[in-house]
Amino acid sequence: MPDSSRPKRPRVIVTRQLMPHVEARMAELFDAQLSAHDHAFTKDELKAAVADCDVLVPTVTDEIDAEVIGAAGERLKLIANFGAGVDHIDLAAARAKGIMVSNTPGVFTEDTADMTMALILSVPRRLAEGEKLMRSGKWAGWAPSAMLGHRVGGKLLGIIGMGRIGLAVARRARAFGLSIHYHNRRRLPEAIEEELGASYHASVDTLLRISDVVTIHCPHTSETHELVNAARIGAMKPTAYLINTARGEIVDEKALIAALKTGRIAGAGLDVYTHEPAVDPELLALDNVVLLPHLGSATIEGREASGEKVIANIRAWCDGHRPADQVLEGWA
């Protein structure tokens, strides 16, 4: 039965500025403390917040570790995350303290797939280098051998992680003439493989060795931390490109930099980094990598939809129900 003891107007603390209509709706429905300055909370600020609310609404910029959860007061019963990824939240510590965690899956699928496809096209065709050349004023005009890249059509795309985003990328990539190969914890149903013309590889090592372009779409967990390590990068084709719009920690960033500097692989397109917002200066100095400031989900439509899901999850909890997007044990 629904739990009728939950507050109808809970104290909700939001760590970052959200879309204006989302914040207005939160202020109307809840006793909401909104973010006035939109800076990432410090650990002390997070600890003060969890001690003073029924619901915390964090984002990927907030490290909700065991220490923060340990500082939570008895009233904190829901962490309603803004975003699908929850690797910044210690789920075991929250579960041990009886705190539910919810997220906002699905709302950024198309946006992230679009950005991934943009990088798949941009890196082999050297779009970032060309744009820099134009702004430098040094372009001398068209020449048969100038700024040569690689054709995308006909290449083999290796997708690591075939969830919502991986599938959306595969559908886009097939339209551009790429051959779809993938690695996933579970093989897709035969009908989906047939639709995409997709080939399954039980071994990520095999997938990396044969791919012309590798794109990462698995969650960051203890099992996937630096999944793409030095040995696996070293086994890739020297003409291959690596795309990452998932989480920076899935790739051994130092090993990737070394491979890019020596030409061990041809290039990379990155939207995420190991120590965000810091970006390794060696990456910034390379011409064969396209660097984006974590833009995968950066659309007005996606951010509005994510905020609406947060509100729906809180309202379900207030009404005594399990939030539709509760993160259950075994998530990843």
C-alpha atoms as a PDB file:
ATOM      1  CA  MET A   1       0.000   0.000   0.000  1.00  0.00           C
ATOM      2  CA  PRO A   2       1.126   3.590  -0.577  1.00  0.00           C
ATOM      3  CA  ASP A   3       2.917   5.221   2.354  1.00  0.00           C
ATOM      4  CA  SER A   4       0.595   8.015   3.526  1.00  0.00           C
ATOM      5  CA  SER A   5       3.116   9.327   6.050  1.00  0.00           C
ATOM      6  CA  ARG A   6       5.261  11.123   3.473  1.00  0.00           C
ATOM      7  CA  PRO A   7       5.117  14.927   3.426  1.00  0.00           C
ATOM      8  CA  LYS A   8       2.796  16.472   0.848  1.00  0.00           C
ATOM      9  CA  ARG A   9       5.033  19.529   0.526  1.00  0.00           C
ATOM     10  CA  PRO A  10       8.537  18.184   1.077  1.00  0.00           C
ATOM     11  CA  ARG A  11      11.661  20.207   1.642  1.00  0.00           C
ATOM     12  CA  VAL A  12      13.556  19.864  -1.670  1.00  0.00           C
ATOM     13  CA  ILE A  13      17.092  21.162  -2.213  1.00  0.00           C
ATOM     14  CA  VAL A  14      18.252  21.536  -5.835  1.00  0.00           C
ATOM     15  CA  THR A  15      22.009  21.806  -6.353  1.00  0.00           C
ATOM     16  CA  ARG A  16      22.125  23.475  -9.796  1.00  0.00           C
ATOM     17  CA  GLN A  17      19.971  25.878 -11.790  1.00  0.00           C
ATOM     18  CA  LEU A  18      17.385  24.075 -13.904  1.00  0.00           C
ATOM     19  CA  MET A  19      15.141  25.306 -16.713  1.00  0.00           C
ATOM     20  CA  PRO A  20      13.006  28.269 -15.541  1.00  0.00           C
ATOM     21  CA  HIS A  21       9.619  26.594 -15.906  1.00  0.00           C
ATOM     22  CA  VAL A  22      10.928  23.518 -14.045  1.00  0.00           C
ATOM     23  CA  GLU A  23      12.108  25.675 -11.160  1.00  0.00           C
ATOM     24  CA  ALA A  24       8.795  27.551 -11.130  1.00  0.00           C
ATOM     25  CA  ARG A  25       6.882  24.288 -10.932  1.00  0.00           C
ATOM     26  CA  MET A  26       9.115  23.034  -8.124  1.00  0.00           C
ATOM     27  CA  ALA A  27       8.576  26.235  -6.154  1.00  0.00           C
ATOM     28  CA  GLU A  28       4.823  25.816  -6.613  1.00  0.00           C
ATOM     29  CA  LEU A  29       4.688  22.167  -5.556  1.00  0.00           C
ATOM     30  CA  PHE A  30       7.419  21.856  -2.937  1.00  0.00           C
ATOM     31  CA  ASP A  31       9.247  23.753  -0.215  1.00  0.00           C
ATOM     32  CA  ALA A  32      12.065  24.151  -2.709  1.00  0.00           C
ATOM     33  CA  GLN A  33      15.491  25.663  -2.153  1.00  0.00           C
ATOM     34  CA  LEU A  34      16.716  26.474  -5.651  1.00  0.00           C
ATOM     35  CA  SER A  35      20.268  27.235  -6.716  1.00  0.00           C
ATOM     36  CA  ALA A  36      20.830  30.981  -6.959  1.00  0.00           C
ATOM     37  CA  HIS A  37      24.434  30.897  -8.145  1.00  0.00           C
ATOM     38  CA  ASP A  38      24.596  27.625 -10.124  1.00  0.00           C
ATOM     39  CA  HIS A  39      27.948  26.450  -8.826  1.00  0.00           C
ATOM     40  CA  ALA A  40      28.789  22.840  -8.030  1.00  0.00           C
ATOM     41  CA  PHE A  41      28.207  22.217  -4.330  1.00  0.00           C
ATOM     42  CA  THR A  42      31.271  21.614  -2.187  1.00  0.00           C
ATOM     43  CA  LYS A  43      31.288  18.524   0.020  1.00  0.00           C
ATOM     44  CA  ASP A  44      30.423  20.662   3.051  1.00  0.00           C
ATOM     45  CA  GLU A  45      27.504  22.214   1.170  1.00  0.00           C
ATOM     46  CA  LEU A  46      26.259  18.764   0.170  1.00  0.00           C
ATOM     47  CA  LYS A  47      26.501  17.536   3.755  1.00  0.00           C
ATOM     48  CA  ALA A  48      24.562  20.577   4.982  1.00  0.00           C
ATOM     49  CA  ALA A  49      21.946  20.019   2.282  1.00  0.00           C
ATOM     50  CA  VAL A  50      21.295  16.341   3.047  1.00  0.00           C
ATOM     51  CA  ALA A  51      20.929  17.208   6.717  1.00  0.00           C
ATOM     52  CA  ASP A  52      18.159  19.709   5.933  1.00  0.00           C
ATOM     53  CA  CYS A  53      15.836  18.193   3.337  1.00  0.00           C
ATOM     54  CA  ASP A  54      13.407  15.410   2.505  1.00  0.00           C
ATOM     55  CA  VAL A  55      14.554  15.250  -1.116  1.00  0.00           C
ATOM     56  CA  LEU A  56      17.908  16.146  -2.678  1.00  0.00           C
ATOM     57  CA  VAL A  57      18.036  16.917  -6.411  1.00  0.00           C
ATOM     58  CA  PRO A  58      21.696  16.566  -7.478  1.00  0.00           C
ATOM     59  CA  THR A  59      23.365  16.435 -10.882  1.00  0.00           C
ATOM     60  CA  VAL A  60      26.471  14.758 -12.286  1.00  0.00           C
ATOM     61  CA  THR A  61      28.596  17.559 -10.799  1.00  0.00           C
ATOM     62  CA  ASP A  62      27.734  16.433  -7.238  1.00  0.00           C
ATOM     63  CA  GLU A  63      29.706  13.593  -5.651  1.00  0.00           C
ATOM     64  CA  ILE A  64      27.182  11.960  -3.315  1.00  0.00           C
ATOM     65  CA  ASP A  65      29.558   9.538  -1.629  1.00  0.00           C
ATOM     66  CA  ALA A  66      29.238   7.544   1.598  1.00  0.00           C
ATOM     67  CA  GLU A  67      30.500  10.476   3.665  1.00  0.00           C
ATOM     68  CA  VAL A  68      27.820  12.791   2.302  1.00  0.00           C
ATOM     69  CA  ILE A  69      25.103  10.168   2.742  1.00  0.00           C
ATOM     70  CA  GLY A  70      26.360   9.538   6.269  1.00  0.00           C
ATOM     71  CA  ALA A  71      25.634  13.188   7.073  1.00  0.00           C
ATOM     72  CA  ALA A  72      21.984  12.870   6.008  1.00  0.00           C
ATOM     73  CA  GLY A  73      19.278  13.557   8.528  1.00  0.00           C
ATOM     74  CA  GLU A  74      16.449  11.172   9.253  1.00  0.00           C
ATOM     75  CA  ARG A  75      14.123  13.123   6.967  1.00  0.00           C
ATOM     76  CA  LEU A  76      16.118  12.537   3.739  1.00  0.00           C
ATOM     77  CA  LYS A  77      14.330   9.697   1.968  1.00  0.00           C
ATOM     78  CA  LEU A  78      14.818  10.428  -1.742  1.00  0.00           C
ATOM     79  CA  ILE A  79      17.733  11.475  -3.939  1.00  0.00           C
ATOM     80  CA  ALA A  80      15.967  12.509  -7.164  1.00  0.00           C
ATOM     81  CA  ASN A  81      18.880  12.754  -9.567  1.00  0.00           C
ATOM     82  CA  PHE A  82      18.695  15.113 -12.561  1.00  0.00           C
ATOM     83  CA  GLY A  83      20.155  12.882 -15.269  1.00  0.00           C
ATOM     84  CA  ALA A  84      20.318   9.222 -16.164  1.00  0.00           C
ATOM     85  CA  GLY A  85      23.812   8.383 -14.915  1.00  0.00           C
ATOM     86  CA  VAL A  86      24.126   7.739 -11.185  1.00  0.00           C
ATOM     87  CA  ASP A  87      27.799   6.775 -10.919  1.00  0.00           C
ATOM     88  CA  HIS A  88      28.327   9.900  -8.796  1.00  0.00           C
ATOM     89  CA  ILE A  89      25.992   8.492  -6.115  1.00  0.00           C
ATOM     90  CA  ASP A  90      27.013   5.741  -3.690  1.00  0.00           C
ATOM     91  CA  LEU A  91      23.961   3.566  -4.245  1.00  0.00           C
ATOM     92  CA  ALA A  92      24.960   0.988  -1.639  1.00  0.00           C
ATOM     93  CA  ALA A  93      25.361   3.654   1.056  1.00  0.00           C
ATOM     94  CA  ALA A  94      21.997   5.178   0.131  1.00  0.00           C
ATOM     95  CA  ARG A  95      20.307   1.778   0.193  1.00  0.00           C
ATOM     96  CA  ALA A  96      21.838   0.959   3.591  1.00  0.00           C
ATOM     97  CA  LYS A  97      20.376   4.161   4.993  1.00  0.00           C
ATOM     98  CA  GLY A  98      16.931   3.569   3.505  1.00  0.00           C
ATOM     99  CA  ILE A  99      17.221   6.396   0.962  1.00  0.00           C
ATOM    100  CA  MET A 100      15.627   5.861  -2.457  1.00  0.00           C
ATOM    101  CA  VAL A 101      17.448   7.032  -5.564  1.00  0.00           C
ATOM    102  CA  SER A 102      15.695   7.954  -8.809  1.00  0.00           C
ATOM    103  CA  ASN A 103      17.043   9.178 -12.139  1.00  0.00           C
ATOM    104  CA  THR A 104      15.749  10.453 -15.484  1.00  0.00           C
ATOM    105  CA  PRO A 105      16.444   7.769 -18.098  1.00  0.00           C
ATOM    106  CA  GLY A 106      15.583   8.110 -21.760  1.00  0.00           C
ATOM    107  CA  VAL A 107      15.193  11.879 -22.023  1.00  0.00           C
ATOM    108  CA  PHE A 108      18.700  12.483 -23.386  1.00  0.00           C
ATOM    109  CA  THR A 109      18.898   9.459 -25.688  1.00  0.00           C
ATOM    110  CA  GLU A 110      18.318  11.244 -28.993  1.00  0.00           C
ATOM    111  CA  ASP A 111      20.388  14.282 -28.026  1.00  0.00           C
ATOM    112  CA  THR A 112      23.408  12.205 -27.004  1.00  0.00           C
ATOM    113  CA  ALA A 113      23.079  10.013 -30.099  1.00  0.00           C
ATOM    114  CA  ASP A 114      23.015  13.151 -32.281  1.00  0.00           C
ATOM    115  CA  MET A 115      26.176  14.465 -30.621  1.00  0.00           C
ATOM    116  CA  THR A 116      27.872  11.090 -30.973  1.00  0.00           C
ATOM    117  CA  MET A 117      27.059  11.000 -34.675  1.00  0.00           C
ATOM    118  CA  ALA A 118      28.374  14.541 -35.045  1.00  0.00           C
ATOM    119  CA  LEU A 119      31.710  13.398 -33.579  1.00  0.00           C
ATOM    120  CA  ILE A 120      31.777  10.253 -35.729  1.00  0.00           C
ATOM    121  CA  LEU A 121      31.516  12.525 -38.767  1.00  0.00           C
ATOM    122  CA  SER A 122      33.718  15.344 -37.472  1.00  0.00           C
ATOM    123  CA  VAL A 123      36.827  13.467 -36.396  1.00  0.00           C
ATOM    124  CA  PRO A 124      37.638  11.465 -39.572  1.00  0.00           C
ATOM    125  CA  ARG A 125      36.796  14.475 -41.775  1.00  0.00           C
ATOM    126  CA  ARG A 126      38.941  16.822 -39.607  1.00  0.00           C
ATOM    127  CA  LEU A 127      36.193  19.410 -39.136  1.00  0.00           C
ATOM    128  CA  ALA A 128      37.730  20.968 -36.018  1.00  0.00           C
ATOM    129  CA  GLU A 129      41.124  21.326 -37.703  1.00  0.00           C
ATOM    130  CA  GLY A 130      39.486  22.898 -40.739  1.00  0.00           C
ATOM    131  CA  GLU A 131      37.554  25.374 -38.620  1.00  0.00           C
ATOM    132  CA  LYS A 132      40.738  26.410 -36.811  1.00  0.00           C
ATOM    133  CA  LEU A 133      42.508  26.870 -40.133  1.00  0.00           C
ATOM    134  CA  MET A 134      39.745  29.153 -41.393  1.00  0.00           C
ATOM    135  CA  ARG A 135      39.833  31.306 -38.257  1.00  0.00           C
ATOM    136  CA  SER A 136      43.632  31.543 -38.394  1.00  0.00           C
ATOM    137  CA  GLY A 137      43.505  33.370 -41.736  1.00  0.00           C
ATOM    138  CA  LYS A 138      46.089  30.945 -43.150  1.00  0.00           C
ATOM    139  CA  TRP A 139      43.861  29.032 -45.564  1.00  0.00           C
ATOM    140  CA  ALA A 140      45.443  29.233 -49.009  1.00  0.00           C
ATOM    141  CA  GLY A 141      42.474  27.820 -50.886  1.00  0.00           C
ATOM    142  CA  TRP A 142      41.387  24.426 -52.168  1.00  0.00           C
ATOM    143  CA  ALA A 143      44.038  21.908 -53.147  1.00  0.00           C
ATOM    144  CA  PRO A 144      43.754  18.246 -54.179  1.00  0.00           C
ATOM    145  CA  SER A 145      45.905  17.019 -51.283  1.00  0.00           C
ATOM    146  CA  ALA A 146      44.871  19.518 -48.584  1.00  0.00           C
ATOM    147  CA  MET A 147      43.173  18.552 -45.293  1.00  0.00           C
ATOM    148  CA  LEU A 148      42.539  14.968 -46.357  1.00  0.00           C
ATOM    149  CA  GLY A 149      40.506  12.866 -43.960  1.00  0.00           C
ATOM    150  CA  HIS A 150      38.802   9.480 -44.196  1.00  0.00           C
ATOM    151  CA  ARG A 151      35.470   8.504 -45.700  1.00  0.00           C
ATOM    152  CA  VAL A 152      32.917   7.419 -43.087  1.00  0.00           C
ATOM    153  CA  GLY A 153      30.643   5.297 -45.282  1.00  0.00           C
ATOM    154  CA  GLY A 154      31.697   1.678 -45.532  1.00  0.00           C
ATOM    155  CA  LYS A 155      33.663   1.721 -42.271  1.00  0.00           C
ATOM    156  CA  LEU A 156      33.076  -0.661 -39.346  1.00  0.00           C
ATOM    157  CA  LEU A 157      31.565   0.999 -36.272  1.00  0.00           C
ATOM    158  CA  GLY A 158      32.160  -0.765 -32.946  1.00  0.00           C
ATOM    159  CA  ILE A 159      29.622   0.163 -30.259  1.00  0.00           C
ATOM    160  CA  ILE A 160      30.462  -0.625 -26.636  1.00  0.00           C
ATOM    161  CA  GLY A 161      27.137  -0.720 -24.791  1.00  0.00           C
ATOM    162  CA  MET A 162      23.929  -1.284 -26.726  1.00  0.00           C
ATOM    163  CA  GLY A 163      21.344   0.307 -24.477  1.00  0.00           C
ATOM    164  CA  ARG A 164      19.031   3.159 -25.503  1.00  0.00           C
ATOM    165  CA  ILE A 165      21.822   5.452 -26.685  1.00  0.00           C
ATOM    166  CA  GLY A 166      23.869   2.734 -28.356  1.00  0.00           C
ATOM    167  CA  LEU A 167      20.811   1.647 -30.334  1.00  0.00           C
ATOM    168  CA  ALA A 168      20.008   5.225 -31.327  1.00  0.00           C
ATOM    169  CA  VAL A 169      23.589   5.704 -32.537  1.00  0.00           C
ATOM    170  CA  ALA A 170      23.435   2.449 -34.507  1.00  0.00           C
ATOM    171  CA  ARG A 171      20.299   3.568 -36.330  1.00  0.00           C
ATOM    172  CA  ARG A 172      21.907   6.877 -37.274  1.00  0.00           C
ATOM    173  CA  ALA A 173      25.203   5.294 -38.262  1.00  0.00           C
ATOM    174  CA  ARG A 174      23.540   2.736 -40.509  1.00  0.00           C
ATOM    175  CA  ALA A 175      21.989   5.604 -42.493  1.00  0.00           C
ATOM    176  CA  PHE A 176      25.536   6.881 -43.115  1.00  0.00           C
ATOM    177  CA  GLY A 177      26.631   3.527 -44.475  1.00  0.00           C
ATOM    178  CA  LEU A 178      28.580   2.239 -41.486  1.00  0.00           C
ATOM    179  CA  SER A 179      28.647  -1.464 -40.664  1.00  0.00           C
ATOM    180  CA  ILE A 180      27.324  -2.031 -37.123  1.00  0.00           C
ATOM    181  CA  HIS A 181      29.176  -4.270 -34.671  1.00  0.00           C
ATOM    182  CA  TYR A 182      28.653  -4.213 -30.919  1.00  0.00           C
ATOM    183  CA  HIS A 183      29.606  -5.542 -27.497  1.00  0.00           C
ATOM    184  CA  ASN A 184      27.062  -5.672 -24.707  1.00  0.00           C
ATOM    185  CA  ARG A 185      26.539  -7.586 -21.473  1.00  0.00           C
ATOM    186  CA  ARG A 186      23.543  -9.241 -23.107  1.00  0.00           C
ATOM    187  CA  ARG A 187      23.059  -9.980 -26.771  1.00  0.00           C
ATOM    188  CA  LEU A 188      20.218  -8.115 -28.485  1.00  0.00           C
ATOM    189  CA  PRO A 189      17.138  -9.968 -29.726  1.00  0.00           C
ATOM    190  CA  GLU A 190      17.611 -11.416 -33.201  1.00  0.00           C
ATOM    191  CA  ALA A 191      14.949  -9.099 -34.669  1.00  0.00           C
ATOM    192  CA  ILE A 192      16.863  -5.984 -33.590  1.00  0.00           C
ATOM    193  CA  GLU A 193      20.147  -7.369 -34.918  1.00  0.00           C
ATOM    194  CA  GLU A 194      18.450  -8.018 -38.249  1.00  0.00           C
ATOM    195  CA  GLU A 195      16.932  -4.521 -38.329  1.00  0.00           C
ATOM    196  CA  LEU A 196      20.344  -2.935 -37.784  1.00  0.00           C
ATOM    197  CA  GLY A 197      22.414  -5.487 -39.651  1.00  0.00           C
ATOM    198  CA  ALA A 198      24.349  -5.661 -36.384  1.00  0.00           C
ATOM    199  CA  SER A 199      26.983  -8.257 -35.450  1.00  0.00           C
ATOM    200  CA  TYR A 200      27.514  -9.191 -31.795  1.00  0.00           C
ATOM    201  CA  HIS A 201      30.945  -9.688 -30.213  1.00  0.00           C
ATOM    202  CA  ALA A 202      31.149 -11.362 -26.815  1.00  0.00           C
ATOM    203  CA  SER A 203      34.676  -9.979 -26.405  1.00  0.00           C
ATOM    204  CA  VAL A 204      35.321  -6.247 -26.243  1.00  0.00           C
ATOM    205  CA  ASP A 205      38.907  -6.984 -27.299  1.00  0.00           C
ATOM    206  CA  THR A 206      37.777  -8.485 -30.580  1.00  0.00           C
ATOM    207  CA  LEU A 207      35.488  -5.533 -31.234  1.00  0.00           C
ATOM    208  CA  LEU A 208      38.267  -3.012 -30.649  1.00  0.00           C
ATOM    209  CA  ARG A 209      40.712  -4.861 -32.914  1.00  0.00           C
ATOM    210  CA  ILE A 210      38.407  -4.865 -35.933  1.00  0.00           C
ATOM    211  CA  SER A 211      36.683  -1.463 -35.624  1.00  0.00           C
ATOM    212  CA  ASP A 212      37.424   1.603 -37.714  1.00  0.00           C
ATOM    213  CA  VAL A 213      35.477   3.775 -35.274  1.00  0.00           C
ATOM    214  CA  VAL A 214      34.770   2.831 -31.639  1.00  0.00           C
ATOM    215  CA  THR A 215      32.034   4.615 -29.691  1.00  0.00           C
ATOM    216  CA  ILE A 216      31.341   4.122 -25.987  1.00  0.00           C
ATOM    217  CA  HIS A 217      27.816   3.954 -24.531  1.00  0.00           C
ATOM    218  CA  CYS A 218      28.034   1.843 -21.394  1.00  0.00           C
ATOM    219  CA  PRO A 219      27.530   3.239 -17.869  1.00  0.00           C
ATOM    220  CA  HIS A 220      30.523   3.934 -15.638  1.00  0.00           C
ATOM    221  CA  THR A 221      30.691   1.254 -12.951  1.00  0.00           C
ATOM    222  CA  SER A 222      33.469  -0.554 -11.098  1.00  0.00           C
ATOM    223  CA  GLU A 223      33.429  -3.118 -13.921  1.00  0.00           C
ATOM    224  CA  THR A 224      33.741  -0.543 -16.719  1.00  0.00           C
ATOM    225  CA  HIS A 225      36.264   1.772 -15.031  1.00  0.00           C
ATOM    226  CA  GLU A 226      39.080   2.182 -17.584  1.00  0.00           C
ATOM    227  CA  LEU A 227      37.510  -0.595 -19.646  1.00  0.00           C
ATOM    228  CA  VAL A 228      39.298   0.911 -22.636  1.00  0.00           C
ATOM    229  CA  ASN A 229      42.775   0.622 -21.176  1.00  0.00           C
ATOM    230  CA  ALA A 230      46.285   0.940 -22.596  1.00  0.00           C
ATOM    231  CA  ALA A 231      46.409  -2.630 -23.865  1.00  0.00           C
ATOM    232  CA  ARG A 232      43.063  -2.349 -25.632  1.00  0.00           C
ATOM    233  CA  ILE A 233      43.905   1.031 -27.157  1.00  0.00           C
ATOM    234  CA  GLY A 234      47.191  -0.478 -28.309  1.00  0.00           C
ATOM    235  CA  ALA A 235      45.306  -3.264 -30.071  1.00  0.00           C
ATOM    236  CA  MET A 236      43.168  -0.871 -32.132  1.00  0.00           C
ATOM    237  CA  LYS A 237      43.898  -0.186 -35.788  1.00  0.00           C
ATOM    238  CA  PRO A 238      46.335   2.704 -36.359  1.00  0.00           C
ATOM    239  CA  THR A 239      43.648   4.203 -38.634  1.00  0.00           C
ATOM    240  CA  ALA A 240      40.921   3.900 -35.953  1.00  0.00           C
ATOM    241  CA  TYR A 241      39.062   6.641 -34.106  1.00  0.00           C
ATOM    242  CA  LEU A 242      37.698   6.574 -30.544  1.00  0.00           C
ATOM    243  CA  ILE A 243      34.502   8.450 -29.618  1.00  0.00           C
ATOM    244  CA  ASN A 244      33.364   8.916 -26.015  1.00  0.00           C
ATOM    245  CA  THR A 245      30.138  10.668 -25.009  1.00  0.00           C
ATOM    246  CA  ALA A 246      29.494   8.395 -21.990  1.00  0.00           C
ATOM    247  CA  ARG A 247      31.854   8.942 -19.039  1.00  0.00           C
ATOM    248  CA  GLY A 248      35.509   9.930 -19.100  1.00  0.00           C
ATOM    249  CA  GLU A 249      36.485   7.324 -16.518  1.00  0.00           C
ATOM    250  CA  ILE A 250      35.657   4.458 -18.906  1.00  0.00           C
ATOM    251  CA  VAL A 251      38.825   5.301 -20.883  1.00  0.00           C
ATOM    252  CA  ASP A 252      42.387   5.352 -19.570  1.00  0.00           C
ATOM    253  CA  GLU A 253      42.902   8.998 -20.512  1.00  0.00           C
ATOM    254  CA  LYS A 254      46.707   8.956 -20.192  1.00  0.00           C
ATOM    255  CA  ALA A 255      46.922   5.903 -22.443  1.00  0.00           C
ATOM    256  CA  LEU A 256      44.634   7.563 -24.967  1.00  0.00           C
ATOM    257  CA  ILE A 257      46.776  10.705 -24.983  1.00  0.00           C
ATOM    258  CA  ALA A 258      49.911   8.644 -25.564  1.00  0.00           C
ATOM    259  CA  ALA A 259      48.257   6.827 -28.473  1.00  0.00           C
ATOM    260  CA  LEU A 260      47.078  10.086 -30.027  1.00  0.00           C
ATOM    261  CA  LYS A 261      50.495  11.742 -29.637  1.00  0.00           C
ATOM    262  CA  THR A 262      52.372   8.879 -31.266  1.00  0.00           C
ATOM    263  CA  GLY A 263      49.817   8.213 -34.002  1.00  0.00           C
ATOM    264  CA  ARG A 264      49.065   4.781 -32.559  1.00  0.00           C
ATOM    265  CA  ILE A 265      45.426   5.592 -33.363  1.00  0.00           C
ATOM    266  CA  ALA A 266      44.253   8.209 -35.840  1.00  0.00           C
ATOM    267  CA  GLY A 267      42.114  10.425 -33.634  1.00  0.00           C
ATOM    268  CA  ALA A 268      39.394  10.814 -31.017  1.00  0.00           C
ATOM    269  CA  GLY A 269      36.213  12.742 -30.322  1.00  0.00           C
ATOM    270  CA  LEU A 270      35.566  13.425 -26.636  1.00  0.00           C
ATOM    271  CA  ASP A 271      32.640  15.011 -24.827  1.00  0.00           C
ATOM    272  CA  VAL A 272      33.624  13.698 -21.369  1.00  0.00           C
ATOM    273  CA  TYR A 273      36.836  13.631 -19.338  1.00  0.00           C
ATOM    274  CA  THR A 274      38.315  11.838 -16.350  1.00  0.00           C
ATOM    275  CA  HIS A 275      38.608  14.903 -14.116  1.00  0.00           C
ATOM    276  CA  GLU A 276      35.830  17.215 -15.319  1.00  0.00           C
ATOM    277  CA  PRO A 277      35.802  20.154 -15.584  1.00  0.00           C
ATOM    278  CA  ALA A 278      39.598  19.913 -15.794  1.00  0.00           C
ATOM    279  CA  VAL A 279      40.909  18.776 -19.164  1.00  0.00           C
ATOM    280  CA  ASP A 280      44.423  17.404 -19.490  1.00  0.00           C
ATOM    281  CA  PRO A 281      46.609  20.100 -21.158  1.00  0.00           C
ATOM    282  CA  GLU A 282      48.117  17.420 -23.388  1.00  0.00           C
ATOM    283  CA  LEU A 283      44.680  16.790 -24.891  1.00  0.00           C
ATOM    284  CA  LEU A 284      44.234  20.503 -25.548  1.00  0.00           C
ATOM    285  CA  ALA A 285      47.493  20.574 -27.495  1.00  0.00           C
ATOM    286  CA  LEU A 286      46.526  17.796 -29.915  1.00  0.00           C
ATOM    287  CA  ASP A 287      45.108  18.456 -33.387  1.00  0.00           C
ATOM    288  CA  ASN A 288      43.764  14.941 -33.930  1.00  0.00           C
ATOM    289  CA  VAL A 289      41.125  15.119 -31.198  1.00  0.00           C
ATOM    290  CA  VAL A 290      37.823  17.006 -31.155  1.00  0.00           C
ATOM    291  CA  LEU A 291      37.019  18.240 -27.638  1.00  0.00           C
ATOM    292  CA  LEU A 292      33.515  19.254 -26.542  1.00  0.00           C
ATOM    293  CA  PRO A 293      32.410  20.623 -23.133  1.00  0.00           C
ATOM    294  CA  HIS A 294      30.034  17.781 -22.125  1.00  0.00           C
ATOM    295  CA  LEU A 295      27.366  18.826 -24.625  1.00  0.00           C
ATOM    296  CA  GLY A 296      25.715  15.435 -25.147  1.00  0.00           C
ATOM    297  CA  SER A 297      22.540  16.310 -23.255  1.00  0.00           C
ATOM    298  CA  ALA A 298      22.688  20.060 -23.811  1.00  0.00           C
ATOM    299  CA  THR A 299      19.361  20.740 -25.496  1.00  0.00           C
ATOM    300  CA  ILE A 300      16.524  22.831 -24.157  1.00  0.00           C
ATOM    301  CA  GLU A 301      14.086  20.018 -24.859  1.00  0.00           C
ATOM    302  CA  GLY A 302      16.150  17.393 -23.057  1.00  0.00           C
ATOM    303  CA  ARG A 303      16.840  19.492 -19.998  1.00  0.00           C
ATOM    304  CA  GLU A 304      13.146  20.392 -19.705  1.00  0.00           C
ATOM    305  CA  ALA A 305      12.129  16.747 -19.996  1.00  0.00           C
ATOM    306  CA  SER A 306      14.671  15.722 -17.372  1.00  0.00           C
ATOM    307  CA  GLY A 307      13.363  18.345 -14.954  1.00  0.00           C
ATOM    308  CA  GLU A 308       9.814  17.166 -15.532  1.00  0.00           C
ATOM    309  CA  LYS A 309      10.853  13.590 -14.741  1.00  0.00           C
ATOM    310  CA  VAL A 310      12.474  14.765 -11.502  1.00  0.00           C
ATOM    311  CA  ILE A 311       9.211  16.447 -10.499  1.00  0.00           C
ATOM    312  CA  ALA A 312       7.190  13.347 -11.396  1.00  0.00           C
ATOM    313  CA  ASN A 313       9.497  11.145  -9.324  1.00  0.00           C
ATOM    314  CA  ILE A 314       9.200  13.451  -6.299  1.00  0.00           C
ATOM    315  CA  ARG A 315       5.433  13.687  -6.614  1.00  0.00           C
ATOM    316  CA  ALA A 316       5.087   9.910  -6.840  1.00  0.00           C
ATOM    317  CA  TRP A 317       7.184   9.574  -3.693  1.00  0.00           C
ATOM    318  CA  CYS A 318       5.115  12.245  -1.913  1.00  0.00           C
ATOM    319  CA  ASP A 319       1.941  10.348  -2.804  1.00  0.00           C
ATOM    320  CA  GLY A 320       3.309   7.239  -1.160  1.00  0.00           C
ATOM    321  CA  HIS A 321       4.245   5.413  -4.362  1.00  0.00           C
ATOM    322  CA  ARG A 322       7.528   4.125  -5.721  1.00  0.00           C
ATOM    323  CA  PRO A 323       8.945   6.628  -8.228  1.00  0.00           C
ATOM    324  CA  ALA A 324       8.674   5.301 -11.776  1.00  0.00           C
ATOM    325  CA  ASP A 325      12.391   5.883 -12.274  1.00  0.00           C
ATOM    326  CA  GLN A 326      13.658   4.455  -8.993  1.00  0.00           C
ATOM    327  CA  VAL A 327      17.177   3.060  -9.416  1.00  0.00           C
ATOM    328  CA  LEU A 328      16.965  -0.525  -8.241  1.00  0.00           C
ATOM    329  CA  GLU A 329      19.672  -2.863  -6.982  1.00  0.00           C
ATOM    330  CA  GLY A 330      21.804  -4.171  -9.811  1.00  0.00           C
ATOM    331  CA  TRP A 331      21.547  -0.933 -11.821  1.00  0.00           C
ATOM    332  CA  ALA A 332      24.127  -0.481 -14.596  1.00  0.00           C
END
